[in-house]
C-alpha atoms as a PDB file:
ATOM      1  CA  MET A   1       0.000   0.000   0.000  1.00  0.00           C
ATOM      2  CA  GLU A   2       2.927   2.298   0.704  1.00  0.00           C
ATOM      3  CA  ILE A   3       4.357   1.800  -2.796  1.00  0.00           C
ATOM      4  CA  ALA A   4       0.975   2.519  -4.380  1.00  0.00           C
ATOM      5  CA  SER A   5       0.480   5.751  -2.494  1.00  0.00           C
ATOM      6  CA  GLN A   6       3.993   7.155  -2.058  1.00  0.00           C
ATOM      7  CA  SER A   7       6.347   5.756  -4.694  1.00  0.00           C
ATOM      8  CA  SER A   8       8.031   8.161  -7.082  1.00  0.00           C
ATOM      9  CA  ASP A   9       8.656   5.322  -9.563  1.00  0.00           C
ATOM     10  CA  ARG A  10       5.602   5.461 -11.828  1.00  0.00           C
ATOM     11  CA  GLN A  11       5.832   1.843 -13.037  1.00  0.00           C
ATOM     12  CA  ALA A  12       6.101   0.484  -9.486  1.00  0.00           C
ATOM     13  CA  LYS A  13       3.209   2.707  -8.406  1.00  0.00           C
ATOM     14  CA  ILE A  14       0.984   1.471 -11.236  1.00  0.00           C
ATOM     15  CA  ALA A  15       1.838  -2.176 -10.502  1.00  0.00           C
ATOM     16  CA  ALA A  16       1.076  -1.642  -6.801  1.00  0.00           C
ATOM     17  CA  CYS A  17      -2.222   0.063  -7.663  1.00  0.00           C
ATOM     18  CA  GLU A  18      -3.208  -2.840  -9.890  1.00  0.00           C
ATOM     19  CA  LEU A  19      -2.407  -5.261  -7.076  1.00  0.00           C
ATOM     20  CA  MET A  20      -4.543  -3.176  -4.702  1.00  0.00           C
ATOM     21  CA  HIS A  21      -7.369  -3.257  -7.249  1.00  0.00           C
ATOM     22  CA  SER A  22      -7.177  -7.056  -7.326  1.00  0.00           C
ATOM     23  CA  ILE A  23      -7.158  -7.202  -3.527  1.00  0.00           C
ATOM     24  CA  VAL A  24     -10.222  -4.945  -3.330  1.00  0.00           C
ATOM     25  CA  LEU A  25     -12.107  -7.075  -5.848  1.00  0.00           C
ATOM     26  CA  TYR A  26     -11.151 -10.253  -4.003  1.00  0.00           C
ATOM     27  CA  THR A  27     -12.112  -8.936  -0.566  1.00  0.00           C
ATOM     28  CA  ILE A  28     -15.436  -7.527  -1.723  1.00  0.00           C
ATOM     29  CA  GLY A  29     -16.246 -10.787  -3.532  1.00  0.00           C
ATOM     30  CA  THR A  30     -15.208 -12.893  -0.548  1.00  0.00           C
ATOM     31  CA  ASN A  31     -17.184 -10.715   1.825  1.00  0.00           C
ATOM     32  CA  ALA A  32     -20.273 -10.937  -0.376  1.00  0.00           C
ATOM     33  CA  GLN A  33     -20.057 -14.734  -0.635  1.00  0.00           C
ATOM     34  CA  THR A  34     -19.370 -15.360   3.035  1.00  0.00           C
ATOM     35  CA  LEU A  35     -21.649 -12.800   4.581  1.00  0.00           C
ATOM     36  CA  ASN A  36     -22.942 -15.217   7.224  1.00  0.00           C
ATOM     37  CA  MET A  37     -19.558 -16.664   8.214  1.00  0.00           C
ATOM     38  CA  LYS A  38     -18.286 -14.877  11.311  1.00  0.00           C
ATOM     39  CA  SER A  39     -14.633 -15.944  10.926  1.00  0.00           C
ATOM     40  CA  VAL A  40     -14.218 -14.243   7.545  1.00  0.00           C
ATOM     41  CA  SER A  41     -16.422 -11.236   8.257  1.00  0.00           C
ATOM     42  CA  GLY A  42     -14.244 -10.352  11.262  1.00  0.00           C
ATOM     43  CA  LEU A  43     -11.174 -10.180   9.011  1.00  0.00           C
ATOM     44  CA  MET A  44     -12.635  -7.936   6.300  1.00  0.00           C
ATOM     45  CA  PRO A  45     -13.412  -4.807   8.355  1.00  0.00           C
ATOM     46  CA  SER A  46      -9.835  -4.688   9.672  1.00  0.00           C
ATOM     47  CA  LEU A  47      -8.521  -5.054   6.129  1.00  0.00           C
ATOM     48  CA  TYR A  48     -10.906  -2.372   4.881  1.00  0.00           C
ATOM     49  CA  LYS A  49      -9.705   0.020   7.591  1.00  0.00           C
ATOM     50  CA  LYS A  50      -6.194  -0.197   6.145  1.00  0.00           C
ATOM     51  CA  LEU A  51      -7.171  -0.371   2.489  1.00  0.00           C
ATOM     52  CA  PHE A  52      -9.789   2.341   2.026  1.00  0.00           C
ATOM     53  CA  PRO A  53      -7.808   5.333   3.370  1.00  0.00           C
ATOM     54  CA  VAL A  54      -5.085   4.516   0.834  1.00  0.00           C
ATOM     55  CA  LEU A  55      -7.694   4.170  -1.923  1.00  0.00           C
ATOM     56  CA  LEU A  56      -9.113   7.573  -1.046  1.00  0.00           C
ATOM     57  CA  ARG A  57      -5.657   9.158  -1.193  1.00  0.00           C
ATOM     58  CA  LEU A  58      -5.061   7.528  -4.582  1.00  0.00           C
ATOM     59  CA  ALA A  59      -8.421   8.741  -5.866  1.00  0.00           C
ATOM     60  CA  CYS A  60      -7.354  12.324  -5.076  1.00  0.00           C
ATOM     61  CA  ASP A  61      -3.848  11.893  -6.505  1.00  0.00           C
ATOM     62  CA  VAL A  62      -3.083  14.681  -8.950  1.00  0.00           C
ATOM     63  CA  ASP A  63      -0.912  12.283 -10.938  1.00  0.00           C
ATOM     64  CA  GLN A  64      -4.060  10.513 -12.103  1.00  0.00           C
ATOM     65  CA  ASP A  65      -5.277  13.436 -14.258  1.00  0.00           C
ATOM     66  CA  GLY A  66      -4.349  12.302 -17.727  1.00  0.00           C
ATOM     67  CA  LEU A  67      -5.948  15.334 -19.334  1.00  0.00           C
ATOM     68  CA  VAL A  68      -3.059  17.539 -18.241  1.00  0.00           C
ATOM     69  CA  ASP A  69      -0.228  15.078 -18.916  1.00  0.00           C
ATOM     70  CA  PHE A  70       2.190  17.221 -20.937  1.00  0.00           C
ATOM     71  CA  ASP A  71       4.402  14.380 -22.194  1.00  0.00           C
ATOM     72  CA  ASN A  72       1.758  11.902 -23.344  1.00  0.00           C
ATOM     73  CA  ALA A  73      -0.519  13.207 -26.105  1.00  0.00           C
ATOM     74  CA  ALA A  74      -2.284   9.856 -26.456  1.00  0.00           C
ATOM     75  CA  LEU A  75      -3.226   9.914 -22.756  1.00  0.00           C
ATOM     76  CA  ARG A  76      -4.532  13.491 -23.095  1.00  0.00           C
ATOM     77  CA  GLU A  77      -6.664  12.510 -26.085  1.00  0.00           C
ATOM     78  CA  LEU A  78      -7.970   9.371 -24.393  1.00  0.00           C
ATOM     79  CA  SER A  79      -8.804  11.290 -21.212  1.00  0.00           C
ATOM     80  CA  ALA A  80     -10.666  13.904 -23.265  1.00  0.00           C
ATOM     81  CA  GLN A  81     -12.595  11.142 -25.045  1.00  0.00           C
ATOM     82  CA  PHE A  82     -13.556   9.607 -21.699  1.00  0.00           C
ATOM     83  CA  LEU A  83     -14.692  12.999 -20.427  1.00  0.00           C
ATOM     84  CA  CYS A  84     -16.726  13.450 -23.606  1.00  0.00           C
ATOM     85  CA  GLU A  85     -18.308  10.035 -23.117  1.00  0.00           C
ATOM     86  CA  PHE A  86     -19.186  10.916 -19.527  1.00  0.00           C
ATOM     87  CA  LEU A  87     -20.762  14.186 -20.624  1.00  0.00           C
ATOM     88  CA  ALA A  88     -22.752  12.441 -23.372  1.00  0.00           C
ATOM     89  CA  TRP A  89     -23.990   9.879 -20.829  1.00  0.00           C
ATOM     90  CA  SER A  90     -24.918  12.687 -18.424  1.00  0.00           C
ATOM     91  CA  VAL A  91     -26.872  14.468 -21.146  1.00  0.00           C
ATOM     92  CA  LYS A  92     -28.691  11.256 -22.000  1.00  0.00           C
ATOM     93  CA  GLN A  93     -29.572  10.705 -18.337  1.00  0.00           C
ATOM     94  CA  ASN A  94     -30.667  14.324 -18.063  1.00  0.00           C
ATOM     95  CA  THR A  95     -33.108  13.946 -20.968  1.00  0.00           C
ATOM     96  CA  VAL A  96     -34.753  11.058 -19.134  1.00  0.00           C
ATOM     97  CA  ASN A  97     -35.118  13.205 -16.012  1.00  0.00           C
ATOM     98  CA  THR A  98     -36.220  16.503 -17.551  1.00  0.00           C
ATOM     99  CA  SER A  99     -36.743  18.261 -14.237  1.00  0.00           C
ATOM    100  CA  SER A 100     -33.026  18.691 -13.553  1.00  0.00           C
ATOM    101  CA  SER A 101     -30.530  21.106 -15.052  1.00  0.00           C
ATOM    102  CA  PRO A 102     -27.294  19.904 -16.686  1.00  0.00           C
ATOM    103  CA  THR A 103     -25.213  19.995 -13.500  1.00  0.00           C
ATOM    104  CA  ASN A 104     -22.437  17.760 -14.840  1.00  0.00           C
ATOM    105  CA  ALA A 105     -22.114  19.891 -17.977  1.00  0.00           C
ATOM    106  CA  LYS A 106     -21.800  23.045 -15.905  1.00  0.00           C
ATOM    107  CA  SER A 107     -19.245  21.396 -13.617  1.00  0.00           C
ATOM    108  CA  ILE A 108     -17.163  20.164 -16.558  1.00  0.00           C
ATOM    109  CA  LEU A 109     -17.309  23.583 -18.196  1.00  0.00           C
ATOM    110  CA  LYS A 110     -16.144  25.242 -14.968  1.00  0.00           C
ATOM    111  CA  ARG A 111     -13.252  22.772 -14.718  1.00  0.00           C
ATOM    112  CA  ILE A 112     -12.204  23.347 -18.330  1.00  0.00           C
ATOM    113  CA  CYS A 113     -12.330  27.115 -17.855  1.00  0.00           C
ATOM    114  CA  SER A 114     -10.284  26.786 -14.682  1.00  0.00           C
ATOM    115  CA  LEU A 115      -7.668  24.775 -16.575  1.00  0.00           C
ATOM    116  CA  ALA A 116      -7.710  27.315 -19.438  1.00  0.00           C
ATOM    117  CA  ARG A 117      -6.797  30.118 -16.995  1.00  0.00           C
ATOM    118  CA  HIS A 118      -4.085  28.132 -15.205  1.00  0.00           C
ATOM    119  CA  PRO A 119      -0.466  29.348 -15.518  1.00  0.00           C
ATOM    120  CA  SER A 120       0.731  25.826 -16.384  1.00  0.00           C
ATOM    121  CA  SER A 121       0.913  25.299 -20.135  1.00  0.00           C
ATOM    122  CA  ALA A 122       0.120  21.591 -19.657  1.00  0.00           C
ATOM    123  CA  LYS A 123      -3.194  22.465 -17.996  1.00  0.00           C
ATOM    124  CA  ARG A 124      -4.067  25.013 -20.685  1.00  0.00           C
ATOM    125  CA  LEU A 125      -3.270  22.396 -23.342  1.00  0.00           C
ATOM    126  CA  GLY A 126      -5.466  19.878 -21.515  1.00  0.00           C
ATOM    127  CA  ALA A 127      -8.323  22.409 -21.474  1.00  0.00           C
ATOM    128  CA  THR A 128      -7.945  22.934 -25.212  1.00  0.00           C
ATOM    129  CA  VAL A 129      -7.924  19.210 -25.976  1.00  0.00           C
ATOM    130  CA  ALA A 130     -10.938  18.635 -23.723  1.00  0.00           C
ATOM    131  CA  PHE A 131     -12.927  21.478 -25.258  1.00  0.00           C
ATOM    132  CA  ASN A 132     -12.148  20.208 -28.777  1.00  0.00           C
ATOM    133  CA  HIS A 133     -13.690  16.872 -27.831  1.00  0.00           C
ATOM    134  CA  LEU A 134     -16.612  18.291 -25.854  1.00  0.00           C
ATOM    135  CA  TYR A 135     -17.953  21.140 -27.949  1.00  0.00           C
ATOM    136  CA  ARG A 136     -20.344  18.939 -29.961  1.00  0.00           C
ATOM    137  CA  VAL A 137     -21.891  17.556 -26.797  1.00  0.00           C
ATOM    138  CA  PHE A 138     -22.043  21.057 -25.296  1.00  0.00           C
ATOM    139  CA  ARG A 139     -24.045  22.169 -28.336  1.00  0.00           C
ATOM    140  CA  CYS A 140     -26.644  19.512 -27.499  1.00  0.00           C
ATOM    141  CA  VAL A 141     -26.684  20.591 -23.852  1.00  0.00           C
ATOM    142  CA  ILE A 142     -27.099  24.229 -24.823  1.00  0.00           C
ATOM    143  CA  ALA A 143     -29.944  23.319 -27.184  1.00  0.00           C
ATOM    144  CA  MET A 144     -31.658  21.563 -24.271  1.00  0.00           C
ATOM    145  CA  ASP A 145     -31.082  24.241 -21.663  1.00  0.00           C
ATOM    146  CA  GLN A 146     -30.312  27.858 -22.543  1.00  0.00           C
ATOM    147  CA  THR A 147     -29.368  28.648 -18.934  1.00  0.00           C
ATOM    148  CA  LEU A 148     -25.944  27.053 -19.453  1.00  0.00           C
ATOM    149  CA  ILE A 149     -25.037  29.419 -22.296  1.00  0.00           C
ATOM    150  CA  GLN A 150     -26.435  32.351 -20.323  1.00  0.00           C
ATOM    151  CA  TRP A 151     -24.309  31.357 -17.345  1.00  0.00           C
ATOM    152  CA  PHE A 152     -21.224  30.975 -19.541  1.00  0.00           C
ATOM    153  CA  LEU A 153     -21.706  34.280 -21.365  1.00  0.00           C
ATOM    154  CA  THR A 154     -22.526  36.355 -18.306  1.00  0.00           C
ATOM    155  CA  ARG A 155     -19.651  35.010 -16.260  1.00  0.00           C
ATOM    156  CA  GLY A 156     -17.142  34.880 -19.110  1.00  0.00           C
ATOM    157  CA  THR A 157     -15.284  32.313 -17.047  1.00  0.00           C
ATOM    158  CA  CYS A 158     -12.747  31.223 -19.665  1.00  0.00           C
ATOM    159  CA  THR A 159     -11.348  34.687 -20.187  1.00  0.00           C
ATOM    160  CA  PRO A 160      -9.054  36.545 -17.804  1.00  0.00           C
ATOM    161  CA  TRP A 161     -11.387  39.566 -17.760  1.00  0.00           C
ATOM    162  CA  GLY A 162     -14.311  37.288 -17.015  1.00  0.00           C
ATOM    163  CA  TYR A 163     -12.449  35.685 -14.154  1.00  0.00           C
ATOM    164  CA  GLU A 164     -11.596  39.045 -12.623  1.00  0.00           C
ATOM    165  CA  ALA A 165     -15.128  40.329 -13.243  1.00  0.00           C
ATOM    166  CA  SER A 166     -16.702  37.250 -11.677  1.00  0.00           C
ATOM    167  CA  LYS A 167     -14.542  37.736  -8.561  1.00  0.00           C
ATOM    168  CA  GLN A 168     -15.792  41.326  -8.334  1.00  0.00           C
ATOM    169  CA  GLY A 169     -19.410  40.412  -9.082  1.00  0.00           C
ATOM    170  CA  VAL A 170     -19.509  42.329 -12.382  1.00  0.00           C
ATOM    171  CA  ARG A 171     -21.880  40.959 -15.034  1.00  0.00           C
ATOM    172  CA  HIS A 172     -21.198  41.259 -18.753  1.00  0.00           C
ATOM    173  CA  ALA A 173     -23.992  41.457 -21.297  1.00  0.00           C
ATOM    174  CA  GLY A 174     -24.247  38.317 -23.387  1.00  0.00           C
END
């Protein structure tokens, strides 16, 4: 668990994470099959107490954001495609439940705009790649709900002047 969460060697870290994934699948499967057996069920909670904090740290690991990986263009593209797929799925789910607004779309747009304003060129590049993949889906979202485009235009969040204006509470006409 220490190698998975703290190693600086990327290959060792990935191998350790894959081992942890296998352990999690095994323990959850074993726990589900032997729910009534007291000898096994006493072992699993103690294992989970050690395993899940590490999993939570790994889930928040900045290294896992492939969208802003400067050296690996294929990883950036794949991450952008996955994000696009998630947004398309969210839009599809949103059309089934018409009472809700496109929260995931707004959240993704905020994240992309935040990356576009970041001083790191890798993050700005990631924002560009993501937006290139997502703009078709955003057009569908905007067609469904005009409030997203209104929010985007009035806040101007992807521009430096919009960022400064939004911090000061200034609204721009859209």
